[in-house]
C-alpha atoms as a PDB file:
ATOM      1  CA  MET A   1      84.594  94.301  90.924  1.00  0.00           C
ATOM      2  CA  THR A   2      86.287  90.860  91.503  1.00  0.00           C
ATOM      3  CA  THR A   3      90.088  90.731  91.085  1.00  0.00           C
ATOM      4  CA  LEU A   4      91.066  87.747  88.943  1.00  0.00           C
ATOM      5  CA  GLY A   5      94.599  86.292  88.936  1.00  0.00           C
ATOM      6  CA  ALA A   6      96.649  83.214  88.070  1.00  0.00           C
ATOM      7  CA  VAL A   7      99.672  81.406  89.638  1.00  0.00           C
ATOM      8  CA  PHE A   8     103.157  80.755  88.091  1.00  0.00           C
ATOM      9  CA  ARG A   9     103.725  77.645  89.801  1.00  0.00           C
ATOM     10  CA  PRO A  10     107.325  76.893  91.120  1.00  0.00           C
ATOM     11  CA  GLN A  11     107.343  73.586  89.546  1.00  0.00           C
ATOM     12  CA  LEU A  12     108.261  75.434  86.418  1.00  0.00           C
ATOM     13  CA  PRO A  13     111.938  76.439  86.164  1.00  0.00           C
ATOM     14  CA  PRO A  14     112.682  80.125  87.017  1.00  0.00           C
ATOM     15  CA  GLU A  15     113.733  80.826  83.318  1.00  0.00           C
ATOM     16  CA  ARG A  16     109.975  80.296  82.305  1.00  0.00           C
ATOM     17  CA  LEU A  17     108.904  83.209  84.322  1.00  0.00           C
ATOM     18  CA  ARG A  18     109.743  85.897  81.886  1.00  0.00           C
ATOM     19  CA  ALA A  19     107.389  84.507  79.157  1.00  0.00           C
ATOM     20  CA  VAL A  20     104.698  83.809  81.466  1.00  0.00           C
ATOM     21  CA  ALA A  21     104.831  87.244  82.957  1.00  0.00           C
ATOM     22  CA  ARG A  22     104.884  88.928  79.599  1.00  0.00           C
ATOM     23  CA  ALA A  23     102.043  86.918  78.363  1.00  0.00           C
ATOM     24  CA  ALA A  24     100.069  88.010  81.432  1.00  0.00           C
ATOM     25  CA  ASP A  25     100.898  91.626  80.855  1.00  0.00           C
ATOM     26  CA  ALA A  26     100.038  91.506  77.149  1.00  0.00           C
ATOM     27  CA  ALA A  27      96.731  89.660  77.925  1.00  0.00           C
ATOM     28  CA  GLY A  28      95.661  92.339  80.468  1.00  0.00           C
ATOM     29  CA  LEU A  29      95.658  89.902  83.413  1.00  0.00           C
ATOM     30  CA  GLU A  30      95.278  91.711  86.633  1.00  0.00           C
ATOM     31  CA  GLU A  31      97.576  89.817  88.954  1.00  0.00           C
ATOM     32  CA  LEU A  32     100.283  87.098  88.616  1.00  0.00           C
ATOM     33  CA  TRP A  33     101.059  85.222  91.882  1.00  0.00           C
ATOM     34  CA  LEU A  34     104.171  83.496  92.779  1.00  0.00           C
ATOM     35  CA  TRP A  35     105.060  81.025  95.627  1.00  0.00           C
ATOM     36  CA  GLU A  36     107.957  80.866  97.947  1.00  0.00           C
ATOM     37  CA  ASP A  37     107.775  77.092  98.472  1.00  0.00           C
ATOM     38  CA  CYS A  38     110.889  75.348  99.950  1.00  0.00           C
ATOM     39  CA  PHE A  39     113.152  74.628  98.119  1.00  0.00           C
ATOM     40  CA  LEU A  40     112.016  75.978  94.795  1.00  0.00           C
ATOM     41  CA  GLU A  41     112.188  79.630  93.969  1.00  0.00           C
ATOM     42  CA  GLY A  42     112.770  82.841  96.046  1.00  0.00           C
ATOM     43  CA  GLY A  43     109.550  84.941  96.159  1.00  0.00           C
ATOM     44  CA  ILE A  44     111.209  88.427  96.339  1.00  0.00           C
ATOM     45  CA  SER A  45     113.720  87.787  93.660  1.00  0.00           C
ATOM     46  CA  ALA A  46     111.195  86.266  91.237  1.00  0.00           C
ATOM     47  CA  ALA A  47     108.710  89.089  91.946  1.00  0.00           C
ATOM     48  CA  ALA A  48     111.152  91.782  91.248  1.00  0.00           C
ATOM     49  CA  ALA A  49     112.121  90.104  87.933  1.00  0.00           C
ATOM     50  CA  ALA A  50     108.435  89.797  86.789  1.00  0.00           C
ATOM     51  CA  LEU A  51     107.655  93.362  87.772  1.00  0.00           C
ATOM     52  CA  ALA A  52     110.760  94.655  85.717  1.00  0.00           C
ATOM     53  CA  TRP A  53     109.696  92.537  82.825  1.00  0.00           C
ATOM     54  CA  THR A  54     106.168  94.097  82.810  1.00  0.00           C
ATOM     55  CA  GLU A  55     104.502  97.452  82.533  1.00  0.00           C
ATOM     56  CA  ARG A  56     101.131  97.163  84.538  1.00  0.00           C
ATOM     57  CA  LEU A  57     100.843  93.668  85.908  1.00  0.00           C
ATOM     58  CA  ARG A  58     100.559  93.361  89.705  1.00  0.00           C
ATOM     59  CA  VAL A  59     102.684  90.689  91.066  1.00  0.00           C
ATOM     60  CA  GLY A  60     101.900  88.922  94.332  1.00  0.00           C
ATOM     61  CA  VAL A  61     103.902  86.738  96.498  1.00  0.00           C
ATOM     62  CA  GLY A  62     101.705  84.162  98.306  1.00  0.00           C
ATOM     63  CA  LEU A  63     103.186  83.729 100.685  1.00  0.00           C
ATOM     64  CA  LEU A  64     106.565  84.447 102.389  1.00  0.00           C
ATOM     65  CA  PRO A  65     107.164  82.064 105.389  1.00  0.00           C
ATOM     66  CA  VAL A  66     107.807  84.403 108.340  1.00  0.00           C
ATOM     67  CA  PRO A  67     110.193  81.706 110.149  1.00  0.00           C
ATOM     68  CA  LEU A  68     112.580  82.052 107.241  1.00  0.00           C
ATOM     69  CA  ARG A  69     112.699  85.850 107.053  1.00  0.00           C
ATOM     70  CA  ASN A  70     113.787  88.428 109.552  1.00  0.00           C
ATOM     71  CA  VAL A  71     111.031  90.971 109.792  1.00  0.00           C
ATOM     72  CA  ALA A  72     113.436  93.840 109.077  1.00  0.00           C
ATOM     73  CA  VAL A  73     114.556  92.208 105.866  1.00  0.00           C
ATOM     74  CA  ALA A  74     111.012  91.581 104.804  1.00  0.00           C
ATOM     75  CA  ALA A  75     110.175  95.127 105.393  1.00  0.00           C
ATOM     76  CA  MET A  76     113.282  96.324 103.385  1.00  0.00           C
ATOM     77  CA  GLU A  77     112.372  94.061 100.448  1.00  0.00           C
ATOM     78  CA  THR A  78     108.684  95.074 100.509  1.00  0.00           C
ATOM     79  CA  ALA A  79     109.548  98.851 100.759  1.00  0.00           C
ATOM     80  CA  THR A  80     112.034  98.478  97.852  1.00  0.00           C
ATOM     81  CA  LEU A  81     109.654  96.655  95.657  1.00  0.00           C
ATOM     82  CA  ASP A  82     107.044  99.343  96.251  1.00  0.00           C
ATOM     83  CA  ARG A  83     109.193 102.180  95.546  1.00  0.00           C
ATOM     84  CA  LEU A  84     110.626 100.610  92.409  1.00  0.00           C
ATOM     85  CA  PHE A  85     107.052  99.564  91.177  1.00  0.00           C
ATOM     86  CA  PRO A  86     104.588 101.684  92.993  1.00  0.00           C
ATOM     87  CA  GLY A  87     101.355  99.737  93.750  1.00  0.00           C
ATOM     88  CA  ARG A  88     102.190  96.659  91.751  1.00  0.00           C
ATOM     89  CA  ALA A  89     103.729  94.462  94.428  1.00  0.00           C
ATOM     90  CA  VAL A  90     101.279  92.320  96.597  1.00  0.00           C
ATOM     91  CA  LEU A  91     102.800  90.481  99.641  1.00  0.00           C
ATOM     92  CA  ALA A  92     101.439  87.881 101.932  1.00  0.00           C
ATOM     93  CA  VAL A  93     103.134  86.283 104.918  1.00  0.00           C
ATOM     94  CA  GLY A  94     102.368  83.147 106.737  1.00  0.00           C
ATOM     95  CA  HIS A  95     103.535  80.371 108.996  1.00  0.00           C
ATOM     96  CA  GLY A  96     105.033  78.317 106.286  1.00  0.00           C
ATOM     97  CA  VAL A  97     104.945  74.572 106.030  1.00  0.00           C
ATOM     98  CA  GLN A  98     106.262  73.475 109.415  1.00  0.00           C
ATOM     99  CA  ASP A  99     108.127  70.267 108.147  1.00  0.00           C
ATOM    100  CA  TRP A 100     109.975  72.618 105.769  1.00  0.00           C
ATOM    101  CA  MET A 101     110.715  75.064 108.573  1.00  0.00           C
ATOM    102  CA  GLY A 102     112.055  72.122 110.633  1.00  0.00           C
ATOM    103  CA  GLN A 103     114.521  71.116 107.759  1.00  0.00           C
ATOM    104  CA  VAL A 104     116.168  74.558 108.004  1.00  0.00           C
ATOM    105  CA  GLY A 105     116.023  74.785 111.866  1.00  0.00           C
ATOM    106  CA  ALA A 106     113.462  77.478 111.847  1.00  0.00           C
ATOM    107  CA  ARG A 107     110.274  75.820 113.188  1.00  0.00           C
ATOM    108  CA  ALA A 108     108.483  78.000 115.642  1.00  0.00           C
ATOM    109  CA  GLU A 109     107.064  76.392 118.846  1.00  0.00           C
ATOM    110  CA  SER A 110     104.128  78.759 118.539  1.00  0.00           C
ATOM    111  CA  PRO A 111     103.525  79.832 114.916  1.00  0.00           C
ATOM    112  CA  VAL A 112     100.527  82.034 115.813  1.00  0.00           C
ATOM    113  CA  THR A 113     102.597  83.953 118.314  1.00  0.00           C
ATOM    114  CA  LEU A 114     105.315  84.476 115.762  1.00  0.00           C
ATOM    115  CA  LEU A 115     102.841  85.542 112.989  1.00  0.00           C
ATOM    116  CA  ARG A 116     101.096  87.981 115.463  1.00  0.00           C
ATOM    117  CA  GLU A 117     104.444  89.672 116.407  1.00  0.00           C
ATOM    118  CA  TYR A 118     105.662  89.682 112.895  1.00  0.00           C
ATOM    119  CA  LEU A 119     102.563  91.226 111.438  1.00  0.00           C
ATOM    120  CA  ALA A 120     102.686  94.030 114.017  1.00  0.00           C
ATOM    121  CA  ALA A 121     106.278  94.804 113.443  1.00  0.00           C
ATOM    122  CA  LEU A 122     106.166  94.563 109.697  1.00  0.00           C
ATOM    123  CA  ARG A 123     103.122  96.944 109.223  1.00  0.00           C
ATOM    124  CA  ALA A 124     104.734  99.399 111.709  1.00  0.00           C
ATOM    125  CA  LEU A 125     108.145  99.479 109.767  1.00  0.00           C
ATOM    126  CA  LEU A 126     106.139  99.882 106.357  1.00  0.00           C
ATOM    127  CA  ARG A 127     104.343 102.877 107.987  1.00  0.00           C
ATOM    128  CA  GLY A 128     107.705 104.620 108.562  1.00  0.00           C
ATOM    129  CA  GLU A 129     107.696 103.991 112.267  1.00  0.00           C
ATOM    130  CA  ARG A 130     110.652 103.453 114.424  1.00  0.00           C
ATOM    131  CA  VAL A 131     110.104 100.110 116.129  1.00  0.00           C
ATOM    132  CA  THR A 132     111.314  98.721 119.377  1.00  0.00           C
ATOM    133  CA  THR A 133     109.953  95.332 120.450  1.00  0.00           C
ATOM    134  CA  ASP A 134     111.078  92.386 122.612  1.00  0.00           C
ATOM    135  CA  GLY A 135     108.686  89.590 121.843  1.00  0.00           C
ATOM    136  CA  ARG A 136     109.009  85.965 122.071  1.00  0.00           C
ATOM    137  CA  TYR A 137     110.216  85.726 118.516  1.00  0.00           C
ATOM    138  CA  VAL A 138     110.635  89.256 117.062  1.00  0.00           C
ATOM    139  CA  LYS A 139     113.024  91.511 118.532  1.00  0.00           C
ATOM    140  CA  LEU A 140     113.842  94.899 117.172  1.00  0.00           C
ATOM    141  CA  ASP A 141     115.891  97.778 118.808  1.00  0.00           C
ATOM    142  CA  GLY A 142     115.156 101.251 117.390  1.00  0.00           C
ATOM    143  CA  VAL A 143     114.797  99.960 113.731  1.00  0.00           C
ATOM    144  CA  ALA A 144     113.288 102.250 111.209  1.00  0.00           C
ATOM    145  CA  LEU A 145     113.517 102.036 107.360  1.00  0.00           C
ATOM    146  CA  ASP A 146     115.460 104.764 105.627  1.00  0.00           C
ATOM    147  CA  TRP A 147     113.486 104.377 102.573  1.00  0.00           C
ATOM    148  CA  PRO A 148     109.950 103.524 103.681  1.00  0.00           C
ATOM    149  CA  PRO A 149     107.103 103.252 101.121  1.00  0.00           C
ATOM    150  CA  PRO A 150     105.427 106.653 100.377  1.00  0.00           C
ATOM    151  CA  ALA A 151     102.217 105.188 101.738  1.00  0.00           C
ATOM    152  CA  PRO A 152     101.609 101.991 103.792  1.00  0.00           C
ATOM    153  CA  VAL A 153     101.698  98.787 101.832  1.00  0.00           C
ATOM    154  CA  PRO A 154      98.918  96.314 102.600  1.00  0.00           C
ATOM    155  CA  ILE A 155     100.071  93.118 104.017  1.00  0.00           C
ATOM    156  CA  LEU A 156      98.070  89.936 103.563  1.00  0.00           C
ATOM    157  CA  ALA A 157      98.340  86.841 105.796  1.00  0.00           C
ATOM    158  CA  GLY A 158      97.975  83.304 104.800  1.00  0.00           C
ATOM    159  CA  ALA A 159      95.724  81.400 107.157  1.00  0.00           C
ATOM    160  CA  THR A 160      93.855  78.168 107.535  1.00  0.00           C
ATOM    161  CA  GLY A 161      92.938  77.364 111.089  1.00  0.00           C
ATOM    162  CA  PRO A 162      90.462  79.456 113.278  1.00  0.00           C
ATOM    163  CA  ARG A 163      93.193  81.049 115.471  1.00  0.00           C
ATOM    164  CA  SER A 164      95.146  82.208 112.392  1.00  0.00           C
ATOM    165  CA  LEU A 165      92.125  83.464 110.671  1.00  0.00           C
ATOM    166  CA  ARG A 166      91.012  85.488 113.489  1.00  0.00           C
ATOM    167  CA  LEU A 167      94.531  86.904 113.848  1.00  0.00           C
ATOM    168  CA  SER A 168      94.567  87.827 110.176  1.00  0.00           C
ATOM    169  CA  GLY A 169      91.330  89.890 110.679  1.00  0.00           C
ATOM    170  CA  GLU A 170      92.865  91.504 113.644  1.00  0.00           C
ATOM    171  CA  ALA A 171      96.397  92.175 112.540  1.00  0.00           C
ATOM    172  CA  ALA A 172      96.647  91.867 108.752  1.00  0.00           C
ATOM    173  CA  ASP A 173      95.142  93.946 105.753  1.00  0.00           C
ATOM    174  CA  GLY A 174      93.883  90.888 103.882  1.00  0.00           C
ATOM    175  CA  THR A 175      93.648  87.029 104.010  1.00  0.00           C
ATOM    176  CA  ILE A 176      94.813  84.465 101.473  1.00  0.00           C
ATOM    177  CA  LEU A 177      93.213  81.138 101.500  1.00  0.00           C
ATOM    178  CA  THR A 178      94.439  77.805  99.816  1.00  0.00           C
ATOM    179  CA  ALA A 179      92.965  75.991  96.896  1.00  0.00           C
ATOM    180  CA  ASN A 180      91.678  73.554  99.393  1.00  0.00           C
ATOM    181  CA  THR A 181      89.039  76.026 100.431  1.00  0.00           C
ATOM    182  CA  PRO A 182      85.550  75.443  98.874  1.00  0.00           C
ATOM    183  CA  PRO A 183      82.900  78.062  98.883  1.00  0.00           C
ATOM    184  CA  GLU A 184      81.571  77.098 102.388  1.00  0.00           C
ATOM    185  CA  GLY A 185      85.049  77.263 103.592  1.00  0.00           C
ATOM    186  CA  VAL A 186      85.397  80.920 102.415  1.00  0.00           C
ATOM    187  CA  ARG A 187      82.055  81.633 104.309  1.00  0.00           C
ATOM    188  CA  LYS A 188      83.406  80.236 107.625  1.00  0.00           C
ATOM    189  CA  ALA A 189      86.659  82.132 107.096  1.00  0.00           C
ATOM    190  CA  ARG A 190      85.079  85.364 106.454  1.00  0.00           C
ATOM    191  CA  ARG A 191      83.140  84.837 109.741  1.00  0.00           C
ATOM    192  CA  LEU A 192      86.327  84.076 111.681  1.00  0.00           C
ATOM    193  CA  ILE A 193      88.145  87.074 110.063  1.00  0.00           C
ATOM    194  CA  ASP A 194      85.282  89.266 110.949  1.00  0.00           C
ATOM    195  CA  GLU A 195      85.557  88.087 114.544  1.00  0.00           C
ATOM    196  CA  GLY A 196      89.187  89.117 114.596  1.00  0.00           C
ATOM    197  CA  ARG A 197      88.344  92.529 113.016  1.00  0.00           C
ATOM    198  CA  GLU A 198      85.611  93.231 115.620  1.00  0.00           C
ATOM    199  CA  ALA A 199      87.979  92.287 118.499  1.00  0.00           C
ATOM    200  CA  ALA A 200      90.485  94.903 117.125  1.00  0.00           C
ATOM    201  CA  SER A 201      87.838  97.494 116.317  1.00  0.00           C
ATOM    202  CA  ARG A 202      88.926  97.561 112.729  1.00  0.00           C
ATOM    203  CA  THR A 203      86.686  99.033 110.115  1.00  0.00           C
ATOM    204  CA  ASP A 204      89.080  99.278 107.140  1.00  0.00           C
ATOM    205  CA  ALA A 205      88.630  97.134 104.233  1.00  0.00           C
ATOM    206  CA  HIS A 206      90.061  93.435 104.378  1.00  0.00           C
ATOM    207  CA  ARG A 207      90.688  91.830 101.083  1.00  0.00           C
ATOM    208  CA  VAL A 208      89.984  87.964 100.964  1.00  0.00           C
ATOM    209  CA  ALA A 209      91.861  86.142  98.203  1.00  0.00           C
ATOM    210  CA  VAL A 210      91.545  82.513  97.526  1.00  0.00           C
ATOM    211  CA  TYR A 211      93.236  80.146  95.144  1.00  0.00           C
ATOM    212  CA  LEU A 212      91.146  77.962  92.806  1.00  0.00           C
ATOM    213  CA  LEU A 213      92.765  74.884  91.461  1.00  0.00           C
ATOM    214  CA  THR A 214      91.762  74.952  87.764  1.00  0.00           C
ATOM    215  CA  ALA A 215      92.188  72.832  84.638  1.00  0.00           C
ATOM    216  CA  THR A 216      91.167  73.357  81.088  1.00  0.00           C
ATOM    217  CA  GLY A 217      91.590  71.471  77.820  1.00  0.00           C
ATOM    218  CA  PRO A 218      90.657  67.921  76.760  1.00  0.00           C
ATOM    219  CA  ASP A 219      91.918  66.207  79.786  1.00  0.00           C
ATOM    220  CA  ALA A 220      91.035  68.915  82.510  1.00  0.00           C
ATOM    221  CA  ALA A 221      88.890  66.631  84.693  1.00  0.00           C
ATOM    222  CA  ALA A 222      91.444  63.934  84.812  1.00  0.00           C
ATOM    223  CA  ARG A 223      94.375  66.393  85.645  1.00  0.00           C
ATOM    224  CA  LEU A 224      92.188  68.259  88.302  1.00  0.00           C
ATOM    225  CA  HIS A 225      91.201  65.033  90.126  1.00  0.00           C
ATOM    226  CA  ALA A 226      94.652  63.504  90.024  1.00  0.00           C
ATOM    227  CA  GLU A 227      96.027  66.437  91.820  1.00  0.00           C
ATOM    228  CA  GLN A 228      93.131  66.586  94.320  1.00  0.00           C
ATOM    229  CA  ARG A 229      93.552  62.921  95.079  1.00  0.00           C
ATOM    230  CA  ALA A 230      97.385  63.533  95.711  1.00  0.00           C
ATOM    231  CA  GLU A 231      96.392  66.234  98.079  1.00  0.00           C
ATOM    232  CA  GLY A 232      93.873  63.965  99.753  1.00  0.00           C
ATOM    233  CA  VAL A 233      90.874  66.353  98.898  1.00  0.00           C
ATOM    234  CA  ALA A 234      89.156  64.378  96.121  1.00  0.00           C
ATOM    235  CA  SER A 235      86.094  63.977  98.299  1.00  0.00           C
ATOM    236  CA  VAL A 236      85.547  67.678  99.220  1.00  0.00           C
ATOM    237  CA  PRO A 237      82.510  68.805  97.433  1.00  0.00           C
ATOM    238  CA  ASP A 238      82.469  71.910  95.195  1.00  0.00           C
ATOM    239  CA  LEU A 239      86.315  72.240  95.198  1.00  0.00           C
ATOM    240  CA  GLY A 240      88.295  73.351  92.045  1.00  0.00           C
ATOM    241  CA  ALA A 241      87.133  73.830  88.483  1.00  0.00           C
ATOM    242  CA  ALA A 242      87.681  71.917  85.272  1.00  0.00           C
ATOM    243  CA  GLY A 243      86.331  72.723  81.818  1.00  0.00           C
ATOM    244  CA  ASP A 244      85.821  75.525  79.613  1.00  0.00           C
ATOM    245  CA  ALA A 245      85.647  79.268  80.538  1.00  0.00           C
ATOM    246  CA  ASP A 246      81.902  79.112  81.433  1.00  0.00           C
ATOM    247  CA  ALA A 247      82.626  76.226  83.965  1.00  0.00           C
ATOM    248  CA  VAL A 248      85.607  78.019  85.520  1.00  0.00           C
ATOM    249  CA  ALA A 249      83.727  81.385  85.653  1.00  0.00           C
ATOM    250  CA  ARG A 250      80.828  79.615  87.533  1.00  0.00           C
ATOM    251  CA  ALA A 251      83.279  78.321  90.059  1.00  0.00           C
ATOM    252  CA  VAL A 252      84.823  81.708  90.411  1.00  0.00           C
ATOM    253  CA  ARG A 253      81.415  83.213  90.960  1.00  0.00           C
ATOM    254  CA  ARG A 254      80.707  80.881  93.676  1.00  0.00           C
ATOM    255  CA  LEU A 255      83.668  81.749  95.700  1.00  0.00           C
ATOM    256  CA  VAL A 256      82.887  85.437  95.189  1.00  0.00           C
ATOM    257  CA  GLU A 257      79.341  84.972  96.436  1.00  0.00           C
ATOM    258  CA  ALA A 258      80.829  83.186  99.466  1.00  0.00           C
ATOM    259  CA  GLY A 259      82.972  86.331 100.399  1.00  0.00           C
ATOM    260  CA  ALA A 260      86.098  86.203  98.068  1.00  0.00           C
ATOM    261  CA  ASP A 261      87.308  89.537  96.764  1.00  0.00           C
ATOM    262  CA  THR A 262      89.975  88.098  94.605  1.00  0.00           C
ATOM    263  CA  VAL A 263      90.110  84.653  92.975  1.00  0.00           C
ATOM    264  CA  ILE A 264      93.523  83.297  91.790  1.00  0.00           C
ATOM    265  CA  LEU A 265      93.351  80.471  89.229  1.00  0.00           C
ATOM    266  CA  GLN A 266      95.875  77.830  90.175  1.00  0.00           C
ATOM    267  CA  PRO A 267      96.955  75.498  87.434  1.00  0.00           C
ATOM    268  CA  THR A 268      97.685  71.986  88.125  1.00  0.00           C
ATOM    269  CA  ALA A 269     101.345  71.156  88.459  1.00  0.00           C
ATOM    270  CA  ASP A 270     101.319  69.469  85.158  1.00  0.00           C
ATOM    271  CA  GLU A 271      99.621  72.194  83.157  1.00  0.00           C
ATOM    272  CA  PRO A 272     101.113  71.699  79.530  1.00  0.00           C
ATOM    273  CA  ASP A 273     100.774  75.269  78.401  1.00  0.00           C
ATOM    274  CA  PRO A 274     101.412  77.904  81.156  1.00  0.00           C
ATOM    275  CA  GLU A 275     101.225  80.825  78.812  1.00  0.00           C
ATOM    276  CA  GLY A 276      98.007  79.521  77.291  1.00  0.00           C
ATOM    277  CA  PHE A 277      96.549  79.142  80.784  1.00  0.00           C
ATOM    278  CA  ILE A 278      97.385  82.839  81.502  1.00  0.00           C
ATOM    279  CA  ARG A 279      95.551  83.868  78.179  1.00  0.00           C
ATOM    280  CA  PHE A 280      92.737  81.618  78.919  1.00  0.00           C
ATOM    281  CA  THR A 281      92.246  83.327  82.342  1.00  0.00           C
ATOM    282  CA  ALA A 282      92.584  86.916  81.088  1.00  0.00           C
ATOM    283  CA  GLU A 283      90.832  86.636  77.726  1.00  0.00           C
ATOM    284  CA  GLU A 284      88.286  83.930  78.318  1.00  0.00           C
ATOM    285  CA  VAL A 285      87.250  83.710  82.022  1.00  0.00           C
ATOM    286  CA  ARG A 286      87.664  87.422  82.836  1.00  0.00           C
ATOM    287  CA  PRO A 287      84.837  88.714  80.740  1.00  0.00           C
ATOM    288  CA  LEU A 288      82.518  86.152  82.403  1.00  0.00           C
ATOM    289  CA  VAL A 289      83.256  87.428  86.041  1.00  0.00           C
ATOM    290  CA  PRO A 290      81.744  90.567  87.362  1.00  0.00           C
END
């Protein structure tokens, strides 16, 4: 069964999160996703609050930029969330926007090398292992969590390019794709992920989640196209969804047919009714998605 989620965009002030998270929980939404975009809102702090305000909602952070966070700190935060809210926190890590990383003095010369070392160390720490490693970027000396999760926590990787997608298949438990990924892009990503999985002889499940830029309401098409123009992707065919629940569900199904396991509806930055968008996702689109 397809997992359907929605995004709380950090263009909204943090104090709006409580109402949106509670609306998601009340409406039966499966997953609410948050972003740790520089320099807007902290992903872990926001996730902890959203989880505390709700009862059953899963909360994803997509994604934590690895140059900003020491891997031991990321493991501690992840383990704490999982022990406080078992099975309800979903974490993704990735390169981060390199210009932003440069602004804080954290730009990595080789983002793929950093992500490879980071994923290996993070997943080992979350398995309760004691880790010693002396990589190019990740250096740990006999580090182990005193309070590891009772069971390993799946870690997703954000990826776009071929090398990162292969690495995600090899070293992560799932992949998250941006809203600039049309169905054909999901197919290509799946092939690259599978190449990485085959190279690593992995046979476990690998979740592919993709954001879908979505607008509904009377001015839906105009708002969608305005944001796509601003992103420089207005000419990409079969990208985004605008209209009623039927139109959005059709776009979701196209992504699922292309290989997505999870589709996360991403409202436009100027969405006038965030709580209404959550209810639209859970109550109107969800019944139309198998």
